[in-house]
Amino acid sequence: MGTVELRNKWKEAIGKVDDRFLRMVDALHETYTNDQVDFFDALPKEIQTLLLESKQDIKNGDFFTHEEVMSEARKKFNISE
């Protein structure tokens, strides 16, 4: 069934369904449309800038691995593995 057929089917069916079904379809639609928004665009501009800078740092090799950070923390706080 193509898009046109599906739209026509639901246009006809929408007048016949009960309130409970309409609310379920509405909730599904809200969830679907909210999932279409890129989370990055919803972030504050300052956070977007920091994330883009971090991404560039990683591309440039300017970062520490988890192992490096943990090793340094163990040394600093005298923690054995």
N, C-alpha and C. Protein backbone atom coordinates (compact mmCIF):
# COMPACT_ATOMS: atom_id res chain seq x y z
N MET A 1 0.85 -1.17 0.00
CA MET A 1 0.00 0.00 0.00
C MET A 1 0.89 1.23 0.00
N GLY A 2 0.65 2.13 -0.91
CA GLY A 2 1.45 3.33 -1.04
C GLY A 2 1.02 4.43 -0.08
N THR A 3 1.76 5.52 -0.12
CA THR A 3 1.49 6.64 0.77
C THR A 3 0.10 7.23 0.56
N VAL A 4 -0.28 7.41 -0.67
CA VAL A 4 -1.59 8.00 -0.97
C VAL A 4 -2.70 7.11 -0.43
N GLU A 5 -2.57 5.82 -0.64
CA GLU A 5 -3.59 4.88 -0.16
C GLU A 5 -3.67 4.89 1.37
N LEU A 6 -2.50 4.92 2.02
CA LEU A 6 -2.49 4.96 3.48
C LEU A 6 -3.14 6.23 4.01
N ARG A 7 -2.83 7.35 3.41
CA ARG A 7 -3.44 8.62 3.85
C ARG A 7 -4.96 8.58 3.69
N ASN A 8 -5.42 8.09 2.55
CA ASN A 8 -6.87 8.00 2.31
C ASN A 8 -7.53 7.05 3.30
N LYS A 9 -6.86 5.93 3.58
CA LYS A 9 -7.39 4.96 4.54
C LYS A 9 -7.57 5.61 5.90
N TRP A 10 -6.55 6.36 6.36
CA TRP A 10 -6.61 6.97 7.69
C TRP A 10 -7.54 8.17 7.73
N LYS A 11 -7.67 8.89 6.65
CA LYS A 11 -8.65 9.99 6.60
C LYS A 11 -10.05 9.44 6.80
N GLU A 12 -10.32 8.32 6.20
CA GLU A 12 -11.63 7.69 6.34
C GLU A 12 -11.80 7.09 7.73
N ALA A 13 -10.77 6.43 8.24
CA ALA A 13 -10.86 5.73 9.52
C ALA A 13 -10.92 6.68 10.71
N ILE A 14 -10.33 7.86 10.59
CA ILE A 14 -10.22 8.77 11.73
C ILE A 14 -11.57 9.16 12.29
N GLY A 15 -12.58 9.21 11.45
CA GLY A 15 -13.93 9.55 11.90
C GLY A 15 -14.64 8.40 12.60
N LYS A 16 -14.09 7.22 12.51
CA LYS A 16 -14.76 6.04 13.05
C LYS A 16 -14.14 5.51 14.34
N VAL A 17 -12.95 5.97 14.69
CA VAL A 17 -12.27 5.41 15.85
C VAL A 17 -12.70 6.12 17.14
N ASP A 18 -12.47 5.46 18.28
CA ASP A 18 -12.86 6.05 19.56
C ASP A 18 -11.78 6.98 20.10
N ASP A 19 -12.13 7.67 21.19
CA ASP A 19 -11.24 8.65 21.80
C ASP A 19 -9.93 8.03 22.26
N ARG A 20 -10.00 6.84 22.84
CA ARG A 20 -8.79 6.16 23.32
C ARG A 20 -7.81 5.93 22.18
N PHE A 21 -8.31 5.44 21.05
CA PHE A 21 -7.45 5.19 19.90
C PHE A 21 -6.84 6.50 19.39
N LEU A 22 -7.64 7.56 19.32
CA LEU A 22 -7.12 8.86 18.87
C LEU A 22 -5.98 9.34 19.77
N ARG A 23 -6.14 9.15 21.08
CA ARG A 23 -5.08 9.57 22.01
C ARG A 23 -3.80 8.75 21.83
N MET A 24 -3.95 7.46 21.54
CA MET A 24 -2.77 6.61 21.30
C MET A 24 -2.06 7.04 20.01
N VAL A 25 -2.83 7.33 18.98
CA VAL A 25 -2.23 7.78 17.72
C VAL A 25 -1.56 9.12 17.91
N ASP A 26 -2.20 10.00 18.68
CA ASP A 26 -1.60 11.31 18.95
C ASP A 26 -0.28 11.17 19.70
N ALA A 27 -0.25 10.30 20.72
CA ALA A 27 0.99 10.07 21.48
C ALA A 27 2.08 9.50 20.58
N LEU A 28 1.72 8.58 19.72
CA LEU A 28 2.68 8.01 18.77
C LEU A 28 3.23 9.09 17.85
N HIS A 29 2.34 9.94 17.36
CA HIS A 29 2.76 11.03 16.47
C HIS A 29 3.70 12.00 17.19
N GLU A 30 3.38 12.35 18.44
CA GLU A 30 4.24 13.25 19.22
C GLU A 30 5.62 12.64 19.41
N THR A 31 5.66 11.37 19.76
CA THR A 31 6.94 10.69 19.96
C THR A 31 7.74 10.67 18.67
N TYR A 32 7.07 10.35 17.58
CA TYR A 32 7.75 10.27 16.28
C TYR A 32 8.30 11.62 15.87
N THR A 33 7.50 12.67 15.98
CA THR A 33 7.97 13.98 15.54
C THR A 33 9.05 14.53 16.46
N ASN A 34 8.98 14.23 17.76
CA ASN A 34 10.03 14.68 18.68
C ASN A 34 11.34 13.96 18.43
N ASP A 35 11.27 12.69 17.99
CA ASP A 35 12.49 11.94 17.69
C ASP A 35 13.18 12.44 16.44
N GLN A 36 12.47 13.19 15.61
CA GLN A 36 13.03 13.68 14.37
C GLN A 36 13.93 14.90 14.59
N VAL A 37 13.81 15.51 15.76
CA VAL A 37 14.62 16.69 16.07
C VAL A 37 16.01 16.21 16.49
N ASP A 38 17.03 16.78 15.88
CA ASP A 38 18.40 16.44 16.23
C ASP A 38 18.70 17.01 17.61
N PHE A 39 19.11 16.14 18.53
CA PHE A 39 19.36 16.58 19.91
C PHE A 39 20.36 17.72 19.96
N PHE A 40 21.32 17.73 19.05
CA PHE A 40 22.37 18.75 19.04
C PHE A 40 21.75 20.14 18.89
N ASP A 41 20.75 20.27 18.01
CA ASP A 41 20.11 21.56 17.78
C ASP A 41 19.35 22.05 19.01
N ALA A 42 18.95 21.13 19.88
CA ALA A 42 18.21 21.50 21.08
C ALA A 42 19.13 21.92 22.23
N LEU A 43 20.43 21.71 22.08
CA LEU A 43 21.39 22.08 23.13
C LEU A 43 21.64 23.58 23.12
N PRO A 44 22.00 24.15 24.28
CA PRO A 44 22.39 25.57 24.31
C PRO A 44 23.60 25.81 23.39
N LYS A 45 23.67 27.00 22.83
CA LYS A 45 24.74 27.34 21.88
C LYS A 45 26.13 27.15 22.49
N GLU A 46 26.27 27.46 23.78
CA GLU A 46 27.57 27.32 24.44
C GLU A 46 28.03 25.85 24.43
N ILE A 47 27.09 24.95 24.69
CA ILE A 47 27.40 23.52 24.70
C ILE A 47 27.72 23.04 23.28
N GLN A 48 26.97 23.53 22.30
CA GLN A 48 27.26 23.17 20.91
C GLN A 48 28.68 23.57 20.54
N THR A 49 29.05 24.79 20.93
CA THR A 49 30.40 25.28 20.62
C THR A 49 31.47 24.41 21.28
N LEU A 50 31.27 24.08 22.56
CA LEU A 50 32.24 23.23 23.26
C LEU A 50 32.35 21.85 22.62
N LEU A 51 31.23 21.28 22.23
CA LEU A 51 31.27 19.96 21.59
C LEU A 51 31.99 20.01 20.24
N LEU A 52 31.73 21.05 19.47
CA LEU A 52 32.42 21.18 18.18
C LEU A 52 33.92 21.38 18.37
N GLU A 53 34.30 22.16 19.38
CA GLU A 53 35.72 22.35 19.68
C GLU A 53 36.36 21.03 20.11
N SER A 54 35.65 20.28 20.94
CA SER A 54 36.16 18.98 21.40
C SER A 54 36.35 18.02 20.24
N LYS A 55 35.39 18.03 19.34
CA LYS A 55 35.47 17.16 18.16
C LYS A 55 36.71 17.51 17.33
N GLN A 56 36.98 18.80 17.19
CA GLN A 56 38.16 19.24 16.44
C GLN A 56 39.44 18.85 17.17
N ASP A 57 39.45 18.97 18.50
CA ASP A 57 40.62 18.56 19.30
C ASP A 57 40.93 17.08 19.06
N ILE A 58 39.90 16.27 19.05
CA ILE A 58 40.09 14.82 18.83
C ILE A 58 40.67 14.57 17.45
N LYS A 59 40.14 15.28 16.44
CA LYS A 59 40.67 15.12 15.08
C LYS A 59 42.15 15.51 15.03
N ASN A 60 42.53 16.50 15.83
CA ASN A 60 43.92 16.97 15.86
C ASN A 60 44.81 16.12 16.76
N GLY A 61 44.23 15.13 17.41
CA GLY A 61 45.02 14.28 18.31
C GLY A 61 45.28 14.91 19.66
N ASP A 62 44.58 15.97 19.99
CA ASP A 62 44.79 16.70 21.24
C ASP A 62 43.80 16.21 22.29
N PHE A 63 44.09 15.03 22.85
CA PHE A 63 43.22 14.46 23.88
C PHE A 63 44.01 13.44 24.69
N PHE A 64 43.43 13.03 25.82
CA PHE A 64 44.01 11.99 26.67
C PHE A 64 43.10 10.78 26.63
N THR A 65 43.68 9.60 26.60
CA THR A 65 42.88 8.38 26.64
C THR A 65 42.41 8.13 28.07
N HIS A 66 41.44 7.27 28.19
CA HIS A 66 40.94 6.89 29.52
C HIS A 66 42.07 6.30 30.35
N GLU A 67 42.85 5.46 29.74
CA GLU A 67 43.97 4.82 30.45
C GLU A 67 44.96 5.87 30.96
N GLU A 68 45.26 6.88 30.17
CA GLU A 68 46.18 7.94 30.59
C GLU A 68 45.62 8.72 31.78
N VAL A 69 44.35 9.05 31.71
CA VAL A 69 43.72 9.80 32.80
C VAL A 69 43.71 8.97 34.08
N MET A 70 43.35 7.70 33.96
CA MET A 70 43.30 6.84 35.15
C MET A 70 44.68 6.64 35.75
N SER A 71 45.67 6.45 34.91
CA SER A 71 47.04 6.28 35.40
C SER A 71 47.49 7.53 36.15
N GLU A 72 47.22 8.69 35.61
CA GLU A 72 47.60 9.95 36.25
C GLU A 72 46.85 10.12 37.58
N ALA A 73 45.57 9.77 37.61
CA ALA A 73 44.79 9.89 38.85
C ALA A 73 45.32 8.93 39.92
N ARG A 74 45.69 7.72 39.51
CA ARG A 74 46.23 6.75 40.47
C ARG A 74 47.53 7.26 41.09
N LYS A 75 48.37 7.86 40.24
CA LYS A 75 49.63 8.42 40.74
C LYS A 75 49.37 9.57 41.69
N LYS A 76 48.49 10.47 41.29
CA LYS A 76 48.20 11.69 42.06
C LYS A 76 47.62 11.35 43.43
N PHE A 77 46.72 10.38 43.48
CA PHE A 77 46.03 10.05 44.73
C PHE A 77 46.55 8.78 45.38
N ASN A 78 47.69 8.28 44.87
CA ASN A 78 48.35 7.10 45.44
C ASN A 78 47.38 5.92 45.55
N ILE A 79 46.75 5.58 44.44
CA ILE A 79 45.78 4.48 44.38
C ILE A 79 46.40 3.33 43.60
N SER A 80 46.36 2.14 44.17
CA SER A 80 46.87 0.99 43.42
C SER A 80 45.72 0.33 42.65
N GLU A 81 46.08 -0.37 41.61
CA GLU A 81 45.06 -1.03 40.77
C GLU A 81 44.47 -2.21 41.43
